[in-house]
Amino acid sequence: MQYLLAVLFLIAAYYLWSYSKKEAFTAGNTPKDMLKNIQGMNTELIDTLNVSSYRETYETIVQDLQSWADHERLYLLTQKVTMKTVQSFNDLTVFKKNLAEFSETVDNID
């Protein structure tokens, strides 16, 4: 009985040891493969967005979102002050800053 438990323990220990020694990169998942995958996704996204044709539309979307955020913040100022309205106002302020930064990004995209 003790011999059987010892053998089972050794087998379990071996399997735990062998599964814990996996390589960081497995077959088909090398750094070069990951790079090709990222480049492929980037190319597909560039083709889908077609920024050169729709740049003005994207810029208009950003401008309209900025205008909406301004109006929404003004509306929140007319409401009863609660933690929710303060949080919403602050979230919209951060959103506007992110839109302004993103607007510069759209200008620099080829």
PDB file of N, CA and C in Angstrom:
ATOM      1  N   MET A   1       0.823  -1.191   0.000  1.00  0.00           N
ATOM      2  CA  MET A   1       0.000   0.000   0.000  1.00  0.00           C
ATOM      3  C   MET A   1       0.870   1.259   0.000  1.00  0.00           C
ATOM      4  N   GLN A   2       1.913   1.263   0.852  1.00  0.00           N
ATOM      5  CA  GLN A   2       2.804   2.418   0.906  1.00  0.00           C
ATOM      6  C   GLN A   2       3.572   2.560  -0.397  1.00  0.00           C
ATOM      7  N   TYR A   3       3.916   1.407  -0.976  1.00  0.00           N
ATOM      8  CA  TYR A   3       4.626   1.424  -2.249  1.00  0.00           C
ATOM      9  C   TYR A   3       3.748   2.047  -3.336  1.00  0.00           C
ATOM     10  N   LEU A   4       2.467   1.693  -3.376  1.00  0.00           N
ATOM     11  CA  LEU A   4       1.511   2.224  -4.353  1.00  0.00           C
ATOM     12  C   LEU A   4       1.338   3.732  -4.182  1.00  0.00           C
ATOM     13  N   LEU A   5       1.213   4.205  -2.943  1.00  0.00           N
ATOM     14  CA  LEU A   5       1.086   5.639  -2.690  1.00  0.00           C
ATOM     15  C   LEU A   5       2.343   6.391  -3.104  1.00  0.00           C
ATOM     16  N   ALA A   6       3.497   5.784  -2.861  1.00  0.00           N
ATOM     17  CA  ALA A   6       4.761   6.420  -3.249  1.00  0.00           C
ATOM     18  C   ALA A   6       4.862   6.530  -4.769  1.00  0.00           C
ATOM     19  N   VAL A   7       4.455   5.488  -5.471  1.00  0.00           N
ATOM     20  CA  VAL A   7       4.486   5.508  -6.939  1.00  0.00           C
ATOM     21  C   VAL A   7       3.506   6.553  -7.465  1.00  0.00           C
ATOM     22  N   LEU A   8       2.304   6.612  -6.916  1.00  0.00           N
ATOM     23  CA  LEU A   8       1.323   7.617  -7.342  1.00  0.00           C
ATOM     24  C   LEU A   8       1.825   9.032  -7.077  1.00  0.00           C
ATOM     25  N   PHE A   9       2.458   9.213  -5.933  1.00  0.00           N
ATOM     26  CA  PHE A   9       3.015  10.516  -5.607  1.00  0.00           C
ATOM     27  C   PHE A   9       4.100  10.909  -6.604  1.00  0.00           C
ATOM     28  N   LEU A  10       4.976   9.989  -6.942  1.00  0.00           N
ATOM     29  CA  LEU A  10       6.046  10.276  -7.900  1.00  0.00           C
ATOM     30  C   LEU A  10       5.479  10.588  -9.291  1.00  0.00           C
ATOM     31  N   ILE A  11       4.464   9.854  -9.699  1.00  0.00           N
ATOM     32  CA  ILE A  11       3.841  10.108 -11.007  1.00  0.00           C
ATOM     33  C   ILE A  11       3.191  11.492 -11.015  1.00  0.00           C
ATOM     34  N   ALA A  12       2.458  11.815  -9.950  1.00  0.00           N
ATOM     35  CA  ALA A  12       1.814  13.134  -9.873  1.00  0.00           C
ATOM     36  C   ALA A  12       2.853  14.246  -9.843  1.00  0.00           C
ATOM     37  N   ALA A  13       3.926  14.053  -9.097  1.00  0.00           N
ATOM     38  CA  ALA A  13       4.990  15.062  -9.031  1.00  0.00           C
ATOM     39  C   ALA A  13       5.634  15.250 -10.392  1.00  0.00           C
ATOM     40  N   TYR A  14       5.860  14.141 -11.120  1.00  0.00           N
ATOM     41  CA  TYR A  14       6.460  14.245 -12.447  1.00  0.00           C
ATOM     42  C   TYR A  14       5.575  15.052 -13.398  1.00  0.00           C
ATOM     43  N   TYR A  15       4.272  14.761 -13.400  1.00  0.00           N
ATOM     44  CA  TYR A  15       3.361  15.491 -14.279  1.00  0.00           C
ATOM     45  C   TYR A  15       3.285  16.974 -13.915  1.00  0.00           C
ATOM     46  N   LEU A  16       3.241  17.281 -12.647  1.00  0.00           N
ATOM     47  CA  LEU A  16       3.244  18.686 -12.235  1.00  0.00           C
ATOM     48  C   LEU A  16       4.526  19.379 -12.659  1.00  0.00           C
ATOM     49  N   TRP A  17       5.640  18.704 -12.508  1.00  0.00           N
ATOM     50  CA  TRP A  17       6.932  19.275 -12.896  1.00  0.00           C
ATOM     51  C   TRP A  17       6.997  19.478 -14.409  1.00  0.00           C
ATOM     52  N   SER A  18       6.535  18.490 -15.180  1.00  0.00           N
ATOM     53  CA  SER A  18       6.635  18.588 -16.638  1.00  0.00           C
ATOM     54  C   SER A  18       5.715  19.676 -17.189  1.00  0.00           C
ATOM     55  N   TYR A  19       4.544  19.882 -16.590  1.00  0.00           N
ATOM     56  CA  TYR A  19       3.639  20.926 -17.061  1.00  0.00           C
ATOM     57  C   TYR A  19       4.098  22.315 -16.630  1.00  0.00           C
ATOM     58  N   SER A  20       4.855  22.413 -15.574  1.00  0.00           N
ATOM     59  CA  SER A  20       5.322  23.724 -15.124  1.00  0.00           C
ATOM     60  C   SER A  20       6.536  24.196 -15.895  1.00  0.00           C
ATOM     61  N   LYS A  21       7.140  23.347 -16.711  1.00  0.00           N
ATOM     62  CA  LYS A  21       8.335  23.710 -17.457  1.00  0.00           C
ATOM     63  C   LYS A  21       8.019  24.009 -18.917  1.00  0.00           C
ATOM     64  N   LYS A  22       6.916  24.673 -19.190  1.00  0.00           N
ATOM     65  CA  LYS A  22       6.569  25.017 -20.569  1.00  0.00           C
ATOM     66  C   LYS A  22       7.394  26.191 -21.031  1.00  0.00           C
ATOM     67  N   GLU A  23       7.725  26.184 -22.304  1.00  0.00           N
ATOM     68  CA  GLU A  23       8.455  27.297 -22.878  1.00  0.00           C
ATOM     69  C   GLU A  23       7.534  28.505 -23.006  1.00  0.00           C
ATOM     70  N   ALA A  24       8.149  29.682 -23.020  1.00  0.00           N
ATOM     71  CA  ALA A  24       7.371  30.909 -23.157  1.00  0.00           C
ATOM     72  C   ALA A  24       6.682  30.969 -24.517  1.00  0.00           C
ATOM     73  N   PHE A  25       7.348  30.491 -25.546  1.00  0.00           N
ATOM     74  CA  PHE A  25       6.781  30.518 -26.893  1.00  0.00           C
ATOM     75  C   PHE A  25       6.607  29.084 -27.368  1.00  0.00           C
ATOM     76  N   THR A  26       5.398  28.759 -27.768  1.00  0.00           N
ATOM     77  CA  THR A  26       5.120  27.426 -28.263  1.00  0.00           C
ATOM     78  C   THR A  26       5.140  27.460 -29.778  1.00  0.00           C
ATOM     79  N   ALA A  27       5.054  26.304 -30.376  1.00  0.00           N
ATOM     80  CA  ALA A  27       5.100  26.196 -31.826  1.00  0.00           C
ATOM     81  C   ALA A  27       4.049  27.095 -32.460  1.00  0.00           C
ATOM     82  N   GLY A  28       4.469  27.892 -33.437  1.00  0.00           N
ATOM     83  CA  GLY A  28       3.539  28.782 -34.118  1.00  0.00           C
ATOM     84  C   GLY A  28       3.272  30.060 -33.355  1.00  0.00           C
ATOM     85  N   ASN A  29       3.982  30.296 -32.283  1.00  0.00           N
ATOM     86  CA  ASN A  29       3.736  31.486 -31.476  1.00  0.00           C
ATOM     87  C   ASN A  29       5.065  32.150 -31.113  1.00  0.00           C
ATOM     88  N   THR A  30       5.949  32.249 -32.096  1.00  0.00           N
ATOM     89  CA  THR A  30       7.249  32.867 -31.877  1.00  0.00           C
ATOM     90  C   THR A  30       7.105  34.382 -31.962  1.00  0.00           C
ATOM     91  N   PRO A  31       8.117  35.122 -31.523  1.00  0.00           N
ATOM     92  CA  PRO A  31       8.038  36.580 -31.654  1.00  0.00           C
ATOM     93  C   PRO A  31       7.822  37.036 -33.106  1.00  0.00           C
ATOM     94  N   LYS A  32       8.441  36.343 -34.047  1.00  0.00           N
ATOM     95  CA  LYS A  32       8.242  36.708 -35.465  1.00  0.00           C
ATOM     96  C   LYS A  32       6.799  36.473 -35.889  1.00  0.00           C
ATOM     97  N   ASP A  33       6.204  35.376 -35.410  1.00  0.00           N
ATOM     98  CA  ASP A  33       4.794  35.104 -35.725  1.00  0.00           C
ATOM     99  C   ASP A  33       3.887  36.160 -35.119  1.00  0.00           C
ATOM    100  N   MET A  34       4.186  36.554 -33.890  1.00  0.00           N
ATOM    101  CA  MET A  34       3.385  37.591 -33.234  1.00  0.00           C
ATOM    102  C   MET A  34       3.511  38.905 -33.984  1.00  0.00           C
ATOM    103  N   LEU A  35       4.727  39.241 -34.438  1.00  0.00           N
ATOM    104  CA  LEU A  35       4.943  40.466 -35.201  1.00  0.00           C
ATOM    105  C   LEU A  35       4.144  40.443 -36.497  1.00  0.00           C
ATOM    106  N   LYS A  36       4.172  39.333 -37.203  1.00  0.00           N
ATOM    107  CA  LYS A  36       3.402  39.207 -38.444  1.00  0.00           C
ATOM    108  C   LYS A  36       1.904  39.364 -38.170  1.00  0.00           C
ATOM    109  N   ASN A  37       1.440  38.796 -37.067  1.00  0.00           N
ATOM    110  CA  ASN A  37       0.027  38.893 -36.694  1.00  0.00           C
ATOM    111  C   ASN A  37      -0.356  40.347 -36.421  1.00  0.00           C
ATOM    112  N   ILE A  38       0.473  41.058 -35.665  1.00  0.00           N
ATOM    113  CA  ILE A  38       0.199  42.465 -35.354  1.00  0.00           C
ATOM    114  C   ILE A  38       0.225  43.308 -36.618  1.00  0.00           C
ATOM    115  N   GLN A  39       1.209  43.072 -37.471  1.00  0.00           N
ATOM    116  CA  GLN A  39       1.289  43.828 -38.723  1.00  0.00           C
ATOM    117  C   GLN A  39       0.089  43.546 -39.615  1.00  0.00           C
ATOM    118  N   GLY A  40      -0.358  42.300 -39.634  1.00  0.00           N
ATOM    119  CA  GLY A  40      -1.533  41.942 -40.426  1.00  0.00           C
ATOM    120  C   GLY A  40      -2.792  42.627 -39.910  1.00  0.00           C
ATOM    121  N   MET A  41      -2.962  42.642 -38.577  1.00  0.00           N
ATOM    122  CA  MET A  41      -4.132  43.313 -37.997  1.00  0.00           C
ATOM    123  C   MET A  41      -4.082  44.812 -38.292  1.00  0.00           C
ATOM    124  N   ASN A  42      -2.887  45.409 -38.216  1.00  0.00           N
ATOM    125  CA  ASN A  42      -2.740  46.836 -38.473  1.00  0.00           C
ATOM    126  C   ASN A  42      -3.070  47.156 -39.929  1.00  0.00           C
ATOM    127  N   THR A  43      -2.574  46.349 -40.844  1.00  0.00           N
ATOM    128  CA  THR A  43      -2.864  46.551 -42.267  1.00  0.00           C
ATOM    129  C   THR A  43      -4.353  46.416 -42.546  1.00  0.00           C
ATOM    130  N   GLU A  44      -4.979  45.422 -41.951  1.00  0.00           N
ATOM    131  CA  GLU A  44      -6.424  45.221 -42.143  1.00  0.00           C
ATOM    132  C   GLU A  44      -7.216  46.415 -41.612  1.00  0.00           C
ATOM    133  N   LEU A  45      -6.815  46.939 -40.468  1.00  0.00           N
ATOM    134  CA  LEU A  45      -7.504  48.090 -39.886  1.00  0.00           C
ATOM    135  C   LEU A  45      -7.318  49.337 -40.749  1.00  0.00           C
ATOM    136  N   ILE A  46      -6.103  49.537 -41.256  1.00  0.00           N
ATOM    137  CA  ILE A  46      -5.837  50.681 -42.135  1.00  0.00           C
ATOM    138  C   ILE A  46      -6.709  50.591 -43.389  1.00  0.00           C
ATOM    139  N   ASP A  47      -6.792  49.397 -43.958  1.00  0.00           N
ATOM    140  CA  ASP A  47      -7.626  49.206 -45.154  1.00  0.00           C
ATOM    141  C   ASP A  47      -9.101  49.447 -44.850  1.00  0.00           C
ATOM    142  N   THR A  48      -9.550  49.032 -43.679  1.00  0.00           N
ATOM    143  CA  THR A  48     -10.956  49.192 -43.305  1.00  0.00           C
ATOM    144  C   THR A  48     -11.306  50.652 -43.063  1.00  0.00           C
ATOM    145  N   LEU A  49     -10.436  51.363 -42.351  1.00  0.00           N
ATOM    146  CA  LEU A  49     -10.716  52.763 -42.009  1.00  0.00           C
ATOM    147  C   LEU A  49     -10.615  53.693 -43.217  1.00  0.00           C
ATOM    148  N   ASN A  50      -9.698  53.417 -44.120  1.00  0.00           N
ATOM    149  CA  ASN A  50      -9.509  54.229 -45.323  1.00  0.00           C
ATOM    150  C   ASN A  50      -9.473  55.720 -44.961  1.00  0.00           C
ATOM    151  N   VAL A  51      -8.539  56.080 -44.089  1.00  0.00           N
ATOM    152  CA  VAL A  51      -8.450  57.435 -43.546  1.00  0.00           C
ATOM    153  C   VAL A  51      -8.276  58.481 -44.638  1.00  0.00           C
ATOM    154  N   SER A  52      -7.531  58.157 -45.671  1.00  0.00           N
ATOM    155  CA  SER A  52      -7.308  59.149 -46.723  1.00  0.00           C
ATOM    156  C   SER A  52      -8.616  59.597 -47.377  1.00  0.00           C
ATOM    157  N   SER A  53      -9.587  58.714 -47.466  1.00  0.00           N
ATOM    158  CA  SER A  53     -10.879  59.066 -48.067  1.00  0.00           C
ATOM    159  C   SER A  53     -11.866  59.649 -47.068  1.00  0.00           C
ATOM    160  N   TYR A  54     -11.767  59.232 -45.812  1.00  0.00           N
ATOM    161  CA  TYR A  54     -12.771  59.622 -44.819  1.00  0.00           C
ATOM    162  C   TYR A  54     -12.227  60.531 -43.715  1.00  0.00           C
ATOM    163  N   ARG A  55     -11.062  61.145 -43.935  1.00  0.00           N
ATOM    164  CA  ARG A  55     -10.452  61.998 -42.912  1.00  0.00           C
ATOM    165  C   ARG A  55     -11.415  63.081 -42.434  1.00  0.00           C
ATOM    166  N   GLU A  56     -12.064  63.779 -43.346  1.00  0.00           N
ATOM    167  CA  GLU A  56     -12.984  64.854 -42.963  1.00  0.00           C
ATOM    168  C   GLU A  56     -14.155  64.311 -42.135  1.00  0.00           C
ATOM    169  N   THR A  57     -14.638  63.133 -42.487  1.00  0.00           N
ATOM    170  CA  THR A  57     -15.734  62.526 -41.737  1.00  0.00           C
ATOM    171  C   THR A  57     -15.292  62.204 -40.318  1.00  0.00           C
ATOM    172  N   TYR A  58     -14.094  61.629 -40.172  1.00  0.00           N
ATOM    173  CA  TYR A  58     -13.573  61.314 -38.834  1.00  0.00           C
ATOM    174  C   TYR A  58     -13.362  62.585 -38.017  1.00  0.00           C
ATOM    175  N   GLU A  59     -12.857  63.635 -38.656  1.00  0.00           N
ATOM    176  CA  GLU A  59     -12.662  64.901 -37.950  1.00  0.00           C
ATOM    177  C   GLU A  59     -13.998  65.495 -37.513  1.00  0.00           C
ATOM    178  N   THR A  60     -15.020  65.365 -38.359  1.00  0.00           N
ATOM    179  CA  THR A  60     -16.354  65.856 -38.015  1.00  0.00           C
ATOM    180  C   THR A  60     -16.931  65.067 -36.843  1.00  0.00           C
ATOM    181  N   ILE A  61     -16.704  63.760 -36.837  1.00  0.00           N
ATOM    182  CA  ILE A  61     -17.179  62.935 -35.720  1.00  0.00           C
ATOM    183  C   ILE A  61     -16.554  63.414 -34.418  1.00  0.00           C
ATOM    184  N   VAL A  62     -15.250  63.670 -34.433  1.00  0.00           N
ATOM    185  CA  VAL A  62     -14.565  64.139 -33.221  1.00  0.00           C
ATOM    186  C   VAL A  62     -15.114  65.493 -32.791  1.00  0.00           C
ATOM    187  N   GLN A  63     -15.304  66.398 -33.749  1.00  0.00           N
ATOM    188  CA  GLN A  63     -15.841  67.726 -33.422  1.00  0.00           C
ATOM    189  C   GLN A  63     -17.253  67.632 -32.856  1.00  0.00           C
ATOM    190  N   ASP A  64     -18.085  66.775 -33.435  1.00  0.00           N
ATOM    191  CA  ASP A  64     -19.449  66.606 -32.936  1.00  0.00           C
ATOM    192  C   ASP A  64     -19.463  66.009 -31.529  1.00  0.00           C
ATOM    193  N   LEU A  65     -18.563  65.081 -31.269  1.00  0.00           N
ATOM    194  CA  LEU A  65     -18.465  64.518 -29.923  1.00  0.00           C
ATOM    195  C   LEU A  65     -18.000  65.557 -28.914  1.00  0.00           C
ATOM    196  N   GLN A  66     -17.087  66.429 -29.325  1.00  0.00           N
ATOM    197  CA  GLN A  66     -16.645  67.505 -28.440  1.00  0.00           C
ATOM    198  C   GLN A  66     -17.800  68.454 -28.129  1.00  0.00           C
ATOM    199  N   SER A  67     -18.565  68.799 -29.152  1.00  0.00           N
ATOM    200  CA  SER A  67     -19.722  69.670 -28.958  1.00  0.00           C
ATOM    201  C   SER A  67     -20.746  69.008 -28.031  1.00  0.00           C
ATOM    202  N   TRP A  68     -21.017  67.726 -28.246  1.00  0.00           N
ATOM    203  CA  TRP A  68     -21.944  67.003 -27.386  1.00  0.00           C
ATOM    204  C   TRP A  68     -21.469  67.018 -25.938  1.00  0.00           C
ATOM    205  N   ALA A  69     -20.166  66.784 -25.726  1.00  0.00           N
ATOM    206  CA  ALA A  69     -19.623  66.764 -24.365  1.00  0.00           C
ATOM    207  C   ALA A  69     -19.781  68.133 -23.704  1.00  0.00           C
ATOM    208  N   ASP A  70     -19.567  69.214 -24.478  1.00  0.00           N
ATOM    209  CA  ASP A  70     -19.759  70.563 -23.929  1.00  0.00           C
ATOM    210  C   ASP A  70     -21.204  70.780 -23.493  1.00  0.00           C
ATOM    211  N   HIS A  71     -22.146  70.415 -24.363  1.00  0.00           N
ATOM    212  CA  HIS A  71     -23.555  70.595 -24.043  1.00  0.00           C
ATOM    213  C   HIS A  71     -23.976  69.713 -22.863  1.00  0.00           C
ATOM    214  N   GLU A  72     -23.469  68.517 -22.820  1.00  0.00           N
ATOM    215  CA  GLU A  72     -23.805  67.608 -21.726  1.00  0.00           C
ATOM    216  C   GLU A  72     -23.259  68.134 -20.396  1.00  0.00           C
ATOM    217  N   ARG A  73     -22.060  68.695 -20.406  1.00  0.00           N
ATOM    218  CA  ARG A  73     -21.502  69.272 -19.177  1.00  0.00           C
ATOM    219  C   ARG A  73     -22.320  70.476 -18.722  1.00  0.00           C
ATOM    220  N   LEU A  74     -22.738  71.305 -19.687  1.00  0.00           N
ATOM    221  CA  LEU A  74     -23.585  72.445 -19.344  1.00  0.00           C
ATOM    222  C   LEU A  74     -24.899  71.977 -18.735  1.00  0.00           C
ATOM    223  N   TYR A  75     -25.478  70.935 -19.304  1.00  0.00           N
ATOM    224  CA  TYR A  75     -26.714  70.375 -18.770  1.00  0.00           C
ATOM    225  C   TYR A  75     -26.503  69.864 -17.346  1.00  0.00           C
ATOM    226  N   LEU A  76     -25.394  69.196 -17.106  1.00  0.00           N
ATOM    227  CA  LEU A  76     -25.114  68.671 -15.766  1.00  0.00           C
ATOM    228  C   LEU A  76     -24.984  69.789 -14.734  1.00  0.00           C
ATOM    229  N   LEU A  77     -24.499  70.959 -15.169  1.00  0.00           N
ATOM    230  CA  LEU A  77     -24.381  72.085 -14.239  1.00  0.00           C
ATOM    231  C   LEU A  77     -25.743  72.608 -13.798  1.00  0.00           C
ATOM    232  N   THR A  78     -26.779  72.343 -14.589  1.00  0.00           N
ATOM    233  CA  THR A  78     -28.122  72.809 -14.234  1.00  0.00           C
ATOM    234  C   THR A  78     -28.858  71.820 -13.340  1.00  0.00           C
ATOM    235  N   GLN A  79     -28.280  70.647 -13.135  1.00  0.00           N
ATOM    236  CA  GLN A  79     -28.925  69.603 -12.340  1.00  0.00           C
ATOM    237  C   GLN A  79     -28.526  69.721 -10.875  1.00  0.00           C
ATOM    238  N   LYS A  80     -29.289  69.044 -10.051  1.00  0.00           N
ATOM    239  CA  LYS A  80     -28.972  68.981  -8.625  1.00  0.00           C
ATOM    240  C   LYS A  80     -27.601  68.328  -8.473  1.00  0.00           C
ATOM    241  N   VAL A  81     -26.758  68.916  -7.655  1.00  0.00           N
ATOM    242  CA  VAL A  81     -25.400  68.400  -7.488  1.00  0.00           C
ATOM    243  C   VAL A  81     -25.429  67.155  -6.609  1.00  0.00           C
ATOM    244  N   THR A  82     -25.017  66.062  -7.205  1.00  0.00           N
ATOM    245  CA  THR A  82     -24.872  64.797  -6.487  1.00  0.00           C
ATOM    246  C   THR A  82     -23.514  64.222  -6.861  1.00  0.00           C
ATOM    247  N   MET A  83     -23.123  63.189  -6.199  1.00  0.00           N
ATOM    248  CA  MET A  83     -21.852  62.534  -6.553  1.00  0.00           C
ATOM    249  C   MET A  83     -21.902  62.018  -7.987  1.00  0.00           C
ATOM    250  N   LYS A  84     -23.075  61.564  -8.412  1.00  0.00           N
ATOM    251  CA  LYS A  84     -23.216  61.048  -9.777  1.00  0.00           C
ATOM    252  C   LYS A  84     -23.020  62.166 -10.806  1.00  0.00           C
ATOM    253  N   THR A  85     -23.601  63.342 -10.576  1.00  0.00           N
ATOM    254  CA  THR A  85     -23.436  64.434 -11.539  1.00  0.00           C
ATOM    255  C   THR A  85     -21.994  64.940 -11.543  1.00  0.00           C
ATOM    256  N   VAL A  86     -21.379  65.001 -10.370  1.00  0.00           N
ATOM    257  CA  VAL A  86     -19.970  65.429 -10.311  1.00  0.00           C
ATOM    258  C   VAL A  86     -19.091  64.434 -11.063  1.00  0.00           C
ATOM    259  N   GLN A  87     -19.325  63.136 -10.849  1.00  0.00           N
ATOM    260  CA  GLN A  87     -18.552  62.109 -11.542  1.00  0.00           C
ATOM    261  C   GLN A  87     -18.779  62.189 -13.050  1.00  0.00           C
ATOM    262  N   SER A  88     -20.018  62.376 -13.459  1.00  0.00           N
ATOM    263  CA  SER A  88     -20.317  62.491 -14.894  1.00  0.00           C
ATOM    264  C   SER A  88     -19.631  63.706 -15.505  1.00  0.00           C
ATOM    265  N   PHE A  89     -19.663  64.832 -14.790  1.00  0.00           N
ATOM    266  CA  PHE A  89     -19.008  66.040 -15.272  1.00  0.00           C
ATOM    267  C   PHE A  89     -17.505  65.800 -15.432  1.00  0.00           C
ATOM    268  N   ASN A  90     -16.906  65.181 -14.431  1.00  0.00           N
ATOM    269  CA  ASN A  90     -15.473  64.899 -14.503  1.00  0.00           C
ATOM    270  C   ASN A  90     -15.141  63.909 -15.612  1.00  0.00           C
ATOM    271  N   ASP A  91     -15.985  62.904 -15.791  1.00  0.00           N
ATOM    272  CA  ASP A  91     -15.776  61.938 -16.872  1.00  0.00           C
ATOM    273  C   ASP A  91     -15.849  62.621 -18.234  1.00  0.00           C
ATOM    274  N   LEU A  92     -16.792  63.527 -18.391  1.00  0.00           N
ATOM    275  CA  LEU A  92     -16.913  64.251 -19.660  1.00  0.00           C
ATOM    276  C   LEU A  92     -15.705  65.161 -19.891  1.00  0.00           C
ATOM    277  N   THR A  93     -15.170  65.747 -18.834  1.00  0.00           N
ATOM    278  CA  THR A  93     -13.987  66.590 -18.963  1.00  0.00           C
ATOM    279  C   THR A  93     -12.794  65.768 -19.443  1.00  0.00           C
ATOM    280  N   VAL A  94     -12.622  64.597 -18.872  1.00  0.00           N
ATOM    281  CA  VAL A  94     -11.542  63.706 -19.319  1.00  0.00           C
ATOM    282  C   VAL A  94     -11.795  63.257 -20.752  1.00  0.00           C
ATOM    283  N   PHE A  95     -13.034  62.966 -21.071  1.00  0.00           N
ATOM    284  CA  PHE A  95     -13.408  62.571 -22.423  1.00  0.00           C
ATOM    285  C   PHE A  95     -13.034  63.662 -23.431  1.00  0.00           C
ATOM    286  N   LYS A  96     -13.326  64.910 -23.080  1.00  0.00           N
ATOM    287  CA  LYS A  96     -12.981  66.036 -23.971  1.00  0.00           C
ATOM    288  C   LYS A  96     -11.471  66.133 -24.169  1.00  0.00           C
ATOM    289  N   LYS A  97     -10.711  65.964 -23.114  1.00  0.00           N
ATOM    290  CA  LYS A  97      -9.250  66.007 -23.236  1.00  0.00           C
ATOM    291  C   LYS A  97      -8.750  64.882 -24.134  1.00  0.00           C
ATOM    292  N   ASN A  98      -9.331  63.706 -23.972  1.00  0.00           N
ATOM    293  CA  ASN A  98      -8.947  62.580 -24.822  1.00  0.00           C
ATOM    294  C   ASN A  98      -9.317  62.824 -26.280  1.00  0.00           C
ATOM    295  N   LEU A  99     -10.473  63.447 -26.512  1.00  0.00           N
ATOM    296  CA  LEU A  99     -10.871  63.775 -27.885  1.00  0.00           C
ATOM    297  C   LEU A  99      -9.915  64.781 -28.509  1.00  0.00           C
ATOM    298  N   ALA A 100      -9.488  65.778 -27.734  1.00  0.00           N
ATOM    299  CA  ALA A 100      -8.553  66.769 -28.256  1.00  0.00           C
ATOM    300  C   ALA A 100      -7.235  66.104 -28.638  1.00  0.00           C
ATOM    301  N   GLU A 101      -6.768  65.211 -27.793  1.00  0.00           N
ATOM    302  CA  GLU A 101      -5.533  64.481 -28.088  1.00  0.00           C
ATOM    303  C   GLU A 101      -5.725  63.587 -29.307  1.00  0.00           C
ATOM    304  N   PHE A 102      -6.866  62.927 -29.376  1.00  0.00           N
ATOM    305  CA  PHE A 102      -7.148  62.053 -30.503  1.00  0.00           C
ATOM    306  C   PHE A 102      -7.265  62.846 -31.794  1.00  0.00           C
ATOM    307  N   SER A 103      -7.795  64.049 -31.722  1.00  0.00           N
ATOM    308  CA  SER A 103      -7.919  64.917 -32.902  1.00  0.00           C
ATOM    309  C   SER A 103      -6.552  65.142 -33.531  1.00  0.00           C
ATOM    310  N   GLU A 104      -5.539  65.347 -32.705  1.00  0.00           N
ATOM    311  CA  GLU A 104      -4.175  65.518 -33.213  1.00  0.00           C
ATOM    312  C   GLU A 104      -3.699  64.218 -33.859  1.00  0.00           C
ATOM    313  N   THR A 105      -4.082  63.091 -33.289  1.00  0.00           N
ATOM    314  CA  THR A 105      -3.694  61.803 -33.844  1.00  0.00           C
ATOM    315  C   THR A 105      -4.302  61.601 -35.231  1.00  0.00           C
ATOM    316  N   VAL A 106      -5.570  61.964 -35.386  1.00  0.00           N
ATOM    317  CA  VAL A 106      -6.226  61.831 -36.688  1.00  0.00           C
ATOM    318  C   VAL A 106      -5.517  62.695 -37.725  1.00  0.00           C
ATOM    319  N   ASP A 107      -5.075  63.874 -37.317  1.00  0.00           N
ATOM    320  CA  ASP A 107      -4.369  64.758 -38.246  1.00  0.00           C
ATOM    321  C   ASP A 107      -3.053  64.141 -38.711  1.00  0.00           C
ATOM    322  N   ASN A 108      -2.433  63.310 -37.883  1.00  0.00           N
ATOM    323  CA  ASN A 108      -1.121  62.734 -38.214  1.00  0.00           C
ATOM    324  C   ASN A 108      -1.191  61.374 -38.884  1.00  0.00           C
ATOM    325  N   ILE A 109      -2.374  60.782 -38.950  1.00  0.00           N
ATOM    326  CA  ILE A 109      -2.514  59.474 -39.600  1.00  0.00           C
ATOM    327  C   ILE A 109      -2.459  59.658 -41.107  1.00  0.00           C
ATOM    328  N   ASP A 110      -1.698  58.780 -41.741  1.00  0.00           N
ATOM    329  CA  ASP A 110      -1.577  58.850 -43.218  1.00  0.00           C
ATOM    330  C   ASP A 110      -2.797  58.324 -43.893  1.00  0.00           C
TER     331      ASP A 110
END
